[in-house]
Amino acid sequence: MICFTVYGYGGWVEAFLPRIGHATFMPLARMSFAVYLIHLIRIQMYFSDLNEGHGFYFDDVLSQFIAILVFSFFWAFWLCLLVEFPMAGATKVLVG
């Protein structure tokens, strides 16, 4: 889809994206990067705490997926709120 949009064949996507603007997606992009960083740490913490082998049963995998997802988004929100957004504002002031 990106290639089509770049070369002018994006259709409705090409007409839609300029209307919502670049600034609309910036907080979501920063938060998704924070989720990426935090989920790696959480997965490592989970597997390092296991005392015995882990079976891959559907219920266990699903519950761990949801738990890690909620945990990651919760802490990513606070990380962005307390670190990322103030640093972005300071950078904008310093760079001009």
PDB file of N, CA and C in Angstrom:
ATOM      1  N   MET A   1       0.826  -1.176   0.000  1.00  0.00           N
ATOM      2  CA  MET A   1       0.000   0.000   0.000  1.00  0.00           C
ATOM      3  C   MET A   1       0.876   1.247   0.000  1.00  0.00           C
ATOM      4  N   ILE A   2       1.977   1.195   0.708  1.00  0.00           N
ATOM      5  CA  ILE A   2       2.863   2.356   0.756  1.00  0.00           C
ATOM      6  C   ILE A   2       3.419   2.656  -0.635  1.00  0.00           C
ATOM      7  N   CYS A   3       3.826   1.625  -1.347  1.00  0.00           N
ATOM      8  CA  CYS A   3       4.367   1.828  -2.700  1.00  0.00           C
ATOM      9  C   CYS A   3       3.314   2.407  -3.624  1.00  0.00           C
ATOM     10  N   PHE A   4       2.080   1.911  -3.533  1.00  0.00           N
ATOM     11  CA  PHE A   4       1.014   2.460  -4.366  1.00  0.00           C
ATOM     12  C   PHE A   4       0.787   3.938  -4.058  1.00  0.00           C
ATOM     13  N   THR A   5       0.796   4.286  -2.781  1.00  0.00           N
ATOM     14  CA  THR A   5       0.572   5.670  -2.390  1.00  0.00           C
ATOM     15  C   THR A   5       1.708   6.564  -2.864  1.00  0.00           C
ATOM     16  N   VAL A   6       2.938   6.110  -2.755  1.00  0.00           N
ATOM     17  CA  VAL A   6       4.092   6.905  -3.174  1.00  0.00           C
ATOM     18  C   VAL A   6       4.044   7.184  -4.669  1.00  0.00           C
ATOM     19  N   TYR A   7       3.620   6.208  -5.452  1.00  0.00           N
ATOM     20  CA  TYR A   7       3.606   6.369  -6.905  1.00  0.00           C
ATOM     21  C   TYR A   7       2.283   6.909  -7.451  1.00  0.00           C
ATOM     22  N   GLY A   8       1.365   7.311  -6.542  1.00  0.00           N
ATOM     23  CA  GLY A   8       0.137   7.962  -6.983  1.00  0.00           C
ATOM     24  C   GLY A   8      -1.031   7.052  -7.248  1.00  0.00           C
ATOM     25  N   TYR A   9      -0.971   5.793  -6.830  1.00  0.00           N
ATOM     26  CA  TYR A   9      -2.068   4.852  -7.049  1.00  0.00           C
ATOM     27  C   TYR A   9      -2.745   4.458  -5.736  1.00  0.00           C
ATOM     28  N   GLY A  10      -2.716   5.320  -4.768  1.00  0.00           N
ATOM     29  CA  GLY A  10      -3.231   4.999  -3.443  1.00  0.00           C
ATOM     30  C   GLY A  10      -4.730   5.030  -3.315  1.00  0.00           C
ATOM     31  N   GLY A  11      -5.422   5.709  -4.219  1.00  0.00           N
ATOM     32  CA  GLY A  11      -6.879   5.772  -4.163  1.00  0.00           C
ATOM     33  C   GLY A  11      -7.363   6.545  -2.954  1.00  0.00           C
ATOM     34  N   TRP A  12      -8.289   5.938  -2.217  1.00  0.00           N
ATOM     35  CA  TRP A  12      -8.891   6.630  -1.073  1.00  0.00           C
ATOM     36  C   TRP A  12      -7.899   6.851   0.057  1.00  0.00           C
ATOM     37  N   VAL A  13      -6.897   5.992   0.180  1.00  0.00           N
ATOM     38  CA  VAL A  13      -5.893   6.167   1.231  1.00  0.00           C
ATOM     39  C   VAL A  13      -5.081   7.438   0.970  1.00  0.00           C
ATOM     40  N   GLU A  14      -4.747   7.663  -0.285  1.00  0.00           N
ATOM     41  CA  GLU A  14      -3.975   8.849  -0.655  1.00  0.00           C
ATOM     42  C   GLU A  14      -4.773  10.122  -0.400  1.00  0.00           C
ATOM     43  N   ALA A  15      -6.075  10.067  -0.568  1.00  0.00           N
ATOM     44  CA  ALA A  15      -6.915  11.231  -0.294  1.00  0.00           C
ATOM     45  C   ALA A  15      -7.182  11.406   1.195  1.00  0.00           C
ATOM     46  N   PHE A  16      -7.172  10.321   1.952  1.00  0.00           N
ATOM     47  CA  PHE A  16      -7.518  10.354   3.373  1.00  0.00           C
ATOM     48  C   PHE A  16      -6.364  10.822   4.255  1.00  0.00           C
ATOM     49  N   LEU A  17      -5.148  10.368   3.982  1.00  0.00           N
ATOM     50  CA  LEU A  17      -4.019  10.640   4.866  1.00  0.00           C
ATOM     51  C   LEU A  17      -3.692  12.119   5.052  1.00  0.00           C
ATOM     52  N   PRO A  18      -3.685  12.946   4.007  1.00  0.00           N
ATOM     53  CA  PRO A  18      -3.388  14.359   4.258  1.00  0.00           C
ATOM     54  C   PRO A  18      -4.441  15.073   5.101  1.00  0.00           C
ATOM     55  N   ARG A  19      -5.650  14.587   5.106  1.00  0.00           N
ATOM     56  CA  ARG A  19      -6.712  15.236   5.880  1.00  0.00           C
ATOM     57  C   ARG A  19      -6.561  15.028   7.378  1.00  0.00           C
ATOM     58  N   ILE A  20      -6.106  13.871   7.780  1.00  0.00           N
ATOM     59  CA  ILE A  20      -5.978  13.629   9.217  1.00  0.00           C
ATOM     60  C   ILE A  20      -4.656  14.138   9.760  1.00  0.00           C
ATOM     61  N   GLY A  21      -3.663  14.271   8.921  1.00  0.00           N
ATOM     62  CA  GLY A  21      -2.424  14.919   9.320  1.00  0.00           C
ATOM     63  C   GLY A  21      -1.401  14.013   9.964  1.00  0.00           C
ATOM     64  N   HIS A  22      -0.183  14.462   9.896  1.00  0.00           N
ATOM     65  CA  HIS A  22       0.964  13.747  10.445  1.00  0.00           C
ATOM     66  C   HIS A  22       0.948  13.767  11.969  1.00  0.00           C
ATOM     67  N   ALA A  23       0.507  14.861  12.549  1.00  0.00           N
ATOM     68  CA  ALA A  23       0.541  15.018  14.012  1.00  0.00           C
ATOM     69  C   ALA A  23      -0.437  14.091  14.716  1.00  0.00           C
ATOM     70  N   THR A  24      -1.426  13.602  14.012  1.00  0.00           N
ATOM     71  CA  THR A  24      -2.402  12.710  14.629  1.00  0.00           C
ATOM     72  C   THR A  24      -1.770  11.378  15.026  1.00  0.00           C
ATOM     73  N   PHE A  25      -0.858  10.894  14.207  1.00  0.00           N
ATOM     74  CA  PHE A  25      -0.276   9.572  14.447  1.00  0.00           C
ATOM     75  C   PHE A  25       1.007   9.604  15.263  1.00  0.00           C
ATOM     76  N   MET A  26       1.586  10.760  15.519  1.00  0.00           N
ATOM     77  CA  MET A  26       2.856  10.813  16.254  1.00  0.00           C
ATOM     78  C   MET A  26       2.763  10.247  17.673  1.00  0.00           C
ATOM     79  N   PRO A  27       1.752  10.607  18.484  1.00  0.00           N
ATOM     80  CA  PRO A  27       1.680   9.990  19.823  1.00  0.00           C
ATOM     81  C   PRO A  27       1.513   8.480  19.769  1.00  0.00           C
ATOM     82  N   LEU A  28       0.727   7.988  18.803  1.00  0.00           N
ATOM     83  CA  LEU A  28       0.546   6.543  18.672  1.00  0.00           C
ATOM     84  C   LEU A  28       1.837   5.852  18.251  1.00  0.00           C
ATOM     85  N   ALA A  29       2.599   6.498  17.379  1.00  0.00           N
ATOM     86  CA  ALA A  29       3.870   5.915  16.944  1.00  0.00           C
ATOM     87  C   ALA A  29       4.861   5.852  18.103  1.00  0.00           C
ATOM     88  N   ARG A  30       4.913   6.897  18.895  1.00  0.00           N
ATOM     89  CA  ARG A  30       5.828   6.891  20.045  1.00  0.00           C
ATOM     90  C   ARG A  30       5.402   5.882  21.091  1.00  0.00           C
ATOM     91  N   MET A  31       4.106   5.747  21.295  1.00  0.00           N
ATOM     92  CA  MET A  31       3.633   4.776  22.275  1.00  0.00           C
ATOM     93  C   MET A  31       3.864   3.349  21.777  1.00  0.00           C
ATOM     94  N   SER A  32       3.699   3.097  20.501  1.00  0.00           N
ATOM     95  CA  SER A  32       3.932   1.746  19.999  1.00  0.00           C
ATOM     96  C   SER A  32       5.408   1.368  20.112  1.00  0.00           C
ATOM     97  N   PHE A  33       6.305   2.339  19.961  1.00  0.00           N
ATOM     98  CA  PHE A  33       7.721   2.045  20.160  1.00  0.00           C
ATOM     99  C   PHE A  33       8.005   1.729  21.625  1.00  0.00           C
ATOM    100  N   ALA A  34       7.359   2.451  22.529  1.00  0.00           N
ATOM    101  CA  ALA A  34       7.527   2.166  23.957  1.00  0.00           C
ATOM    102  C   ALA A  34       6.976   0.786  24.306  1.00  0.00           C
ATOM    103  N   VAL A  35       5.860   0.400  23.705  1.00  0.00           N
ATOM    104  CA  VAL A  35       5.306  -0.943  23.922  1.00  0.00           C
ATOM    105  C   VAL A  35       6.292  -1.999  23.455  1.00  0.00           C
ATOM    106  N   TYR A  36       6.915  -1.742  22.308  1.00  0.00           N
ATOM    107  CA  TYR A  36       7.911  -2.677  21.779  1.00  0.00           C
ATOM    108  C   TYR A  36       9.063  -2.850  22.764  1.00  0.00           C
ATOM    109  N   LEU A  37       9.557  -1.759  23.318  1.00  0.00           N
ATOM    110  CA  LEU A  37      10.678  -1.852  24.258  1.00  0.00           C
ATOM    111  C   LEU A  37      10.281  -2.561  25.551  1.00  0.00           C
ATOM    112  N   ILE A  38       9.102  -2.258  26.052  1.00  0.00           N
ATOM    113  CA  ILE A  38       8.676  -2.814  27.347  1.00  0.00           C
ATOM    114  C   ILE A  38       8.310  -4.286  27.231  1.00  0.00           C
ATOM    115  N   HIS A  39       7.685  -4.692  26.130  1.00  0.00           N
ATOM    116  CA  HIS A  39       7.245  -6.089  26.058  1.00  0.00           C
ATOM    117  C   HIS A  39       8.431  -7.050  26.022  1.00  0.00           C
ATOM    118  N   LEU A  40       9.544  -6.627  25.456  1.00  0.00           N
ATOM    119  CA  LEU A  40      10.725  -7.493  25.463  1.00  0.00           C
ATOM    120  C   LEU A  40      11.221  -7.745  26.883  1.00  0.00           C
ATOM    121  N   ILE A  41      11.217  -6.712  27.687  1.00  0.00           N
ATOM    122  CA  ILE A  41      11.646  -6.841  29.083  1.00  0.00           C
ATOM    123  C   ILE A  41      10.667  -7.731  29.848  1.00  0.00           C
ATOM    124  N   ARG A  42       9.375  -7.548  29.610  1.00  0.00           N
ATOM    125  CA  ARG A  42       8.370  -8.332  30.328  1.00  0.00           C
ATOM    126  C   ARG A  42       8.439  -9.812  29.951  1.00  0.00           C
ATOM    127  N   ILE A  43       8.639 -10.108  28.690  1.00  0.00           N
ATOM    128  CA  ILE A  43       8.757 -11.510  28.273  1.00  0.00           C
ATOM    129  C   ILE A  43       9.995 -12.144  28.899  1.00  0.00           C
ATOM    130  N   GLN A  44      11.097 -11.414  28.944  1.00  0.00           N
ATOM    131  CA  GLN A  44      12.309 -11.942  29.563  1.00  0.00           C
ATOM    132  C   GLN A  44      12.088 -12.183  31.056  1.00  0.00           C
ATOM    133  N   MET A  45      11.383 -11.273  31.727  1.00  0.00           N
ATOM    134  CA  MET A  45      11.082 -11.462  33.148  1.00  0.00           C
ATOM    135  C   MET A  45      10.218 -12.699  33.363  1.00  0.00           C
ATOM    136  N   TYR A  46       9.244 -12.914  32.486  1.00  0.00           N
ATOM    137  CA  TYR A  46       8.343 -14.056  32.628  1.00  0.00           C
ATOM    138  C   TYR A  46       9.099 -15.367  32.484  1.00  0.00           C
ATOM    139  N   PHE A  47       9.894 -15.498  31.449  1.00  0.00           N
ATOM    140  CA  PHE A  47      10.580 -16.762  31.216  1.00  0.00           C
ATOM    141  C   PHE A  47      11.741 -16.985  32.178  1.00  0.00           C
ATOM    142  N   SER A  48      12.314 -15.947  32.741  1.00  0.00           N
ATOM    143  CA  SER A  48      13.388 -16.145  33.709  1.00  0.00           C
ATOM    144  C   SER A  48      12.844 -16.589  35.065  1.00  0.00           C
ATOM    145  N   ASP A  49      11.560 -16.349  35.326  1.00  0.00           N
ATOM    146  CA  ASP A  49      10.959 -16.752  36.599  1.00  0.00           C
ATOM    147  C   ASP A  49      10.411 -18.177  36.587  1.00  0.00           C
ATOM    148  N   LEU A  50      10.407 -18.833  35.441  1.00  0.00           N
ATOM    149  CA  LEU A  50       9.889 -20.198  35.376  1.00  0.00           C
ATOM    150  C   LEU A  50      10.872 -21.167  36.039  1.00  0.00           C
ATOM    151  N   ASN A  51      10.345 -22.033  36.884  1.00  0.00           N
ATOM    152  CA  ASN A  51      11.181 -23.017  37.569  1.00  0.00           C
ATOM    153  C   ASN A  51      11.237 -24.348  36.828  1.00  0.00           C
ATOM    154  N   GLU A  52      10.283 -24.590  35.979  1.00  0.00           N
ATOM    155  CA  GLU A  52      10.223 -25.853  35.259  1.00  0.00           C
ATOM    156  C   GLU A  52       9.844 -25.584  33.810  1.00  0.00           C
ATOM    157  N   GLY A  53       9.816 -26.627  33.014  1.00  0.00           N
ATOM    158  CA  GLY A  53       9.468 -26.479  31.607  1.00  0.00           C
ATOM    159  C   GLY A  53       8.078 -25.895  31.419  1.00  0.00           C
ATOM    160  N   HIS A  54       7.891 -25.283  30.300  1.00  0.00           N
ATOM    161  CA  HIS A  54       6.624 -24.614  30.024  1.00  0.00           C
ATOM    162  C   HIS A  54       5.959 -25.274  28.830  1.00  0.00           C
ATOM    163  N   GLY A  55       4.750 -25.771  29.020  1.00  0.00           N
ATOM    164  CA  GLY A  55       3.993 -26.340  27.912  1.00  0.00           C
ATOM    165  C   GLY A  55       3.245 -25.241  27.170  1.00  0.00           C
ATOM    166  N   PHE A  56       3.111 -25.401  25.888  1.00  0.00           N
ATOM    167  CA  PHE A  56       2.424 -24.394  25.085  1.00  0.00           C
ATOM    168  C   PHE A  56       0.980 -24.820  24.848  1.00  0.00           C
ATOM    169  N   TYR A  57       0.168 -24.613  25.846  1.00  0.00           N
ATOM    170  CA  TYR A  57      -1.256 -24.874  25.742  1.00  0.00           C
ATOM    171  C   TYR A  57      -1.946 -23.587  25.336  1.00  0.00           C
ATOM    172  N   PHE A  58      -3.009 -23.709  24.563  1.00  0.00           N
ATOM    173  CA  PHE A  58      -3.670 -22.545  24.000  1.00  0.00           C
ATOM    174  C   PHE A  58      -4.110 -21.562  25.085  1.00  0.00           C
ATOM    175  N   ASP A  59      -4.705 -22.061  26.150  1.00  0.00           N
ATOM    176  CA  ASP A  59      -5.185 -21.177  27.217  1.00  0.00           C
ATOM    177  C   ASP A  59      -4.039 -20.429  27.894  1.00  0.00           C
ATOM    178  N   ASP A  60      -2.944 -21.131  28.125  1.00  0.00           N
ATOM    179  CA  ASP A  60      -1.791 -20.490  28.756  1.00  0.00           C
ATOM    180  C   ASP A  60      -1.177 -19.423  27.855  1.00  0.00           C
ATOM    181  N   VAL A  61      -1.025 -19.737  26.594  1.00  0.00           N
ATOM    182  CA  VAL A  61      -0.430 -18.788  25.654  1.00  0.00           C
ATOM    183  C   VAL A  61      -1.328 -17.570  25.500  1.00  0.00           C
ATOM    184  N   LEU A  62      -2.631 -17.789  25.384  1.00  0.00           N
ATOM    185  CA  LEU A  62      -3.569 -16.679  25.233  1.00  0.00           C
ATOM    186  C   LEU A  62      -3.584 -15.784  26.467  1.00  0.00           C
ATOM    187  N   SER A  63      -3.613 -16.383  27.648  1.00  0.00           N
ATOM    188  CA  SER A  63      -3.627 -15.574  28.865  1.00  0.00           C
ATOM    189  C   SER A  63      -2.317 -14.805  29.043  1.00  0.00           C
ATOM    190  N   GLN A  64      -1.191 -15.418  28.709  1.00  0.00           N
ATOM    191  CA  GLN A  64       0.079 -14.692  28.799  1.00  0.00           C
ATOM    192  C   GLN A  64       0.170 -13.581  27.764  1.00  0.00           C
ATOM    193  N   PHE A  65      -0.336 -13.824  26.569  1.00  0.00           N
ATOM    194  CA  PHE A  65      -0.354 -12.795  25.536  1.00  0.00           C
ATOM    195  C   PHE A  65      -1.150 -11.578  25.995  1.00  0.00           C
ATOM    196  N   ILE A  66      -2.338 -11.819  26.523  1.00  0.00           N
ATOM    197  CA  ILE A  66      -3.185 -10.714  26.975  1.00  0.00           C
ATOM    198  C   ILE A  66      -2.546 -10.002  28.158  1.00  0.00           C
ATOM    199  N   ALA A  67      -1.984 -10.762  29.095  1.00  0.00           N
ATOM    200  CA  ALA A  67      -1.350 -10.156  30.256  1.00  0.00           C
ATOM    201  C   ALA A  67      -0.151  -9.296  29.860  1.00  0.00           C
ATOM    202  N   ILE A  68       0.684  -9.797  28.965  1.00  0.00           N
ATOM    203  CA  ILE A  68       1.857  -9.032  28.531  1.00  0.00           C
ATOM    204  C   ILE A  68       1.430  -7.813  27.723  1.00  0.00           C
ATOM    205  N   LEU A  69       0.387  -7.949  26.914  1.00  0.00           N
ATOM    206  CA  LEU A  69      -0.111  -6.824  26.129  1.00  0.00           C
ATOM    207  C   LEU A  69      -0.639  -5.708  27.024  1.00  0.00           C
ATOM    208  N   VAL A  70      -1.462  -6.060  27.999  1.00  0.00           N
ATOM    209  CA  VAL A  70      -2.008  -5.059  28.925  1.00  0.00           C
ATOM    210  C   VAL A  70      -0.889  -4.429  29.747  1.00  0.00           C
ATOM    211  N   PHE A  71       0.010  -5.251  30.268  1.00  0.00           N
ATOM    212  CA  PHE A  71       1.149  -4.748  31.038  1.00  0.00           C
ATOM    213  C   PHE A  71       1.980  -3.779  30.204  1.00  0.00           C
ATOM    214  N   SER A  72       2.268  -4.136  28.968  1.00  0.00           N
ATOM    215  CA  SER A  72       3.116  -3.314  28.108  1.00  0.00           C
ATOM    216  C   SER A  72       2.453  -1.985  27.765  1.00  0.00           C
ATOM    217  N   PHE A  73       1.174  -2.006  27.438  1.00  0.00           N
ATOM    218  CA  PHE A  73       0.488  -0.757  27.123  1.00  0.00           C
ATOM    219  C   PHE A  73       0.343   0.133  28.346  1.00  0.00           C
ATOM    220  N   PHE A  74       0.105  -0.460  29.512  1.00  0.00           N
ATOM    221  CA  PHE A  74      -0.001   0.329  30.739  1.00  0.00           C
ATOM    222  C   PHE A  74       1.293   1.071  31.020  1.00  0.00           C
ATOM    223  N   TRP A  75       2.415   0.366  31.008  1.00  0.00           N
ATOM    224  CA  TRP A  75       3.692   1.008  31.308  1.00  0.00           C
ATOM    225  C   TRP A  75       4.192   1.882  30.175  1.00  0.00           C
ATOM    226  N   ALA A  76       3.837   1.556  28.941  1.00  0.00           N
ATOM    227  CA  ALA A  76       4.212   2.412  27.810  1.00  0.00           C
ATOM    228  C   ALA A  76       3.491   3.747  27.885  1.00  0.00           C
ATOM    229  N   PHE A  77       2.241   3.735  28.322  1.00  0.00           N
ATOM    230  CA  PHE A  77       1.512   4.991  28.494  1.00  0.00           C
ATOM    231  C   PHE A  77       2.227   5.897  29.487  1.00  0.00           C
ATOM    232  N   TRP A  78       2.631   5.331  30.627  1.00  0.00           N
ATOM    233  CA  TRP A  78       3.320   6.141  31.632  1.00  0.00           C
ATOM    234  C   TRP A  78       4.715   6.553  31.177  1.00  0.00           C
ATOM    235  N   LEU A  79       5.391   5.677  30.471  1.00  0.00           N
ATOM    236  CA  LEU A  79       6.708   6.022  29.942  1.00  0.00           C
ATOM    237  C   LEU A  79       6.609   7.184  28.963  1.00  0.00           C
ATOM    238  N   CYS A  80       5.638   7.134  28.088  1.00  0.00           N
ATOM    239  CA  CYS A  80       5.452   8.228  27.129  1.00  0.00           C
ATOM    240  C   CYS A  80       5.035   9.513  27.833  1.00  0.00           C
ATOM    241  N   LEU A  81       4.154   9.382  28.785  1.00  0.00           N
ATOM    242  CA  LEU A  81       3.652  10.560  29.490  1.00  0.00           C
ATOM    243  C   LEU A  81       4.742  11.242  30.311  1.00  0.00           C
ATOM    244  N   LEU A  82       5.605  10.472  30.946  1.00  0.00           N
ATOM    245  CA  LEU A  82       6.604  11.040  31.852  1.00  0.00           C
ATOM    246  C   LEU A  82       7.963  11.294  31.212  1.00  0.00           C
ATOM    247  N   VAL A  83       8.268  10.592  30.107  1.00  0.00           N
ATOM    248  CA  VAL A  83       9.597  10.730  29.515  1.00  0.00           C
ATOM    249  C   VAL A  83       9.532  11.220  28.072  1.00  0.00           C
ATOM    250  N   GLU A  84       8.833  10.487  27.237  1.00  0.00           N
ATOM    251  CA  GLU A  84       8.895  10.741  25.792  1.00  0.00           C
ATOM    252  C   GLU A  84       8.294  12.085  25.396  1.00  0.00           C
ATOM    253  N   PHE A  85       7.080  12.385  25.873  1.00  0.00           N
ATOM    254  CA  PHE A  85       6.435  13.630  25.469  1.00  0.00           C
ATOM    255  C   PHE A  85       7.151  14.872  26.009  1.00  0.00           C
ATOM    256  N   PRO A  86       7.599  14.894  27.275  1.00  0.00           N
ATOM    257  CA  PRO A  86       8.378  16.061  27.720  1.00  0.00           C
ATOM    258  C   PRO A  86       9.702  16.222  26.963  1.00  0.00           C
ATOM    259  N   MET A  87      10.363  15.112  26.654  1.00  0.00           N
ATOM    260  CA  MET A  87      11.619  15.210  25.893  1.00  0.00           C
ATOM    261  C   MET A  87      11.370  15.697  24.473  1.00  0.00           C
ATOM    262  N   ALA A  88      10.263  15.299  23.871  1.00  0.00           N
ATOM    263  CA  ALA A  88       9.927  15.784  22.531  1.00  0.00           C
ATOM    264  C   ALA A  88       9.663  17.285  22.561  1.00  0.00           C
ATOM    265  N   GLY A  89       8.994  17.750  23.609  1.00  0.00           N
ATOM    266  CA  GLY A  89       8.759  19.190  23.747  1.00  0.00           C
ATOM    267  C   GLY A  89      10.048  19.955  23.958  1.00  0.00           C
ATOM    268  N   ALA A  90      10.947  19.420  24.782  1.00  0.00           N
ATOM    269  CA  ALA A  90      12.241  20.078  25.018  1.00  0.00           C
ATOM    270  C   ALA A  90      13.080  20.093  23.756  1.00  0.00           C
ATOM    271  N   THR A  91      13.047  19.028  23.004  1.00  0.00           N
ATOM    272  CA  THR A  91      13.792  18.980  21.742  1.00  0.00           C
ATOM    273  C   THR A  91      13.249  20.004  20.757  1.00  0.00           C
ATOM    274  N   LYS A  92      11.935  20.127  20.714  1.00  0.00           N
ATOM    275  CA  LYS A  92      11.320  21.095  19.806  1.00  0.00           C
ATOM    276  C   LYS A  92      11.711  22.532  20.182  1.00  0.00           C
ATOM    277  N   VAL A  93      11.825  22.809  21.484  1.00  0.00           N
ATOM    278  CA  VAL A  93      12.228  24.136  21.932  1.00  0.00           C
ATOM    279  C   VAL A  93      13.699  24.387  21.612  1.00  0.00           C
ATOM    280  N   LEU A  94      14.551  23.402  21.856  1.00  0.00           N
ATOM    281  CA  LEU A  94      15.980  23.571  21.628  1.00  0.00           C
ATOM    282  C   LEU A  94      16.342  23.656  20.149  1.00  0.00           C
ATOM    283  N   VAL A  95      15.710  22.831  19.340  1.00  0.00           N
ATOM    284  CA  VAL A  95      16.029  22.813  17.909  1.00  0.00           C
ATOM    285  C   VAL A  95      15.347  23.978  17.201  1.00  0.00           C
ATOM    286  N   GLY A  96      14.169  24.317  17.635  1.00  0.00           N
ATOM    287  CA  GLY A  96      13.477  25.483  17.066  1.00  0.00           C
ATOM    288  C   GLY A  96      12.482  25.083  16.127  1.00  0.00           C
TER     289      GLY A  96
END
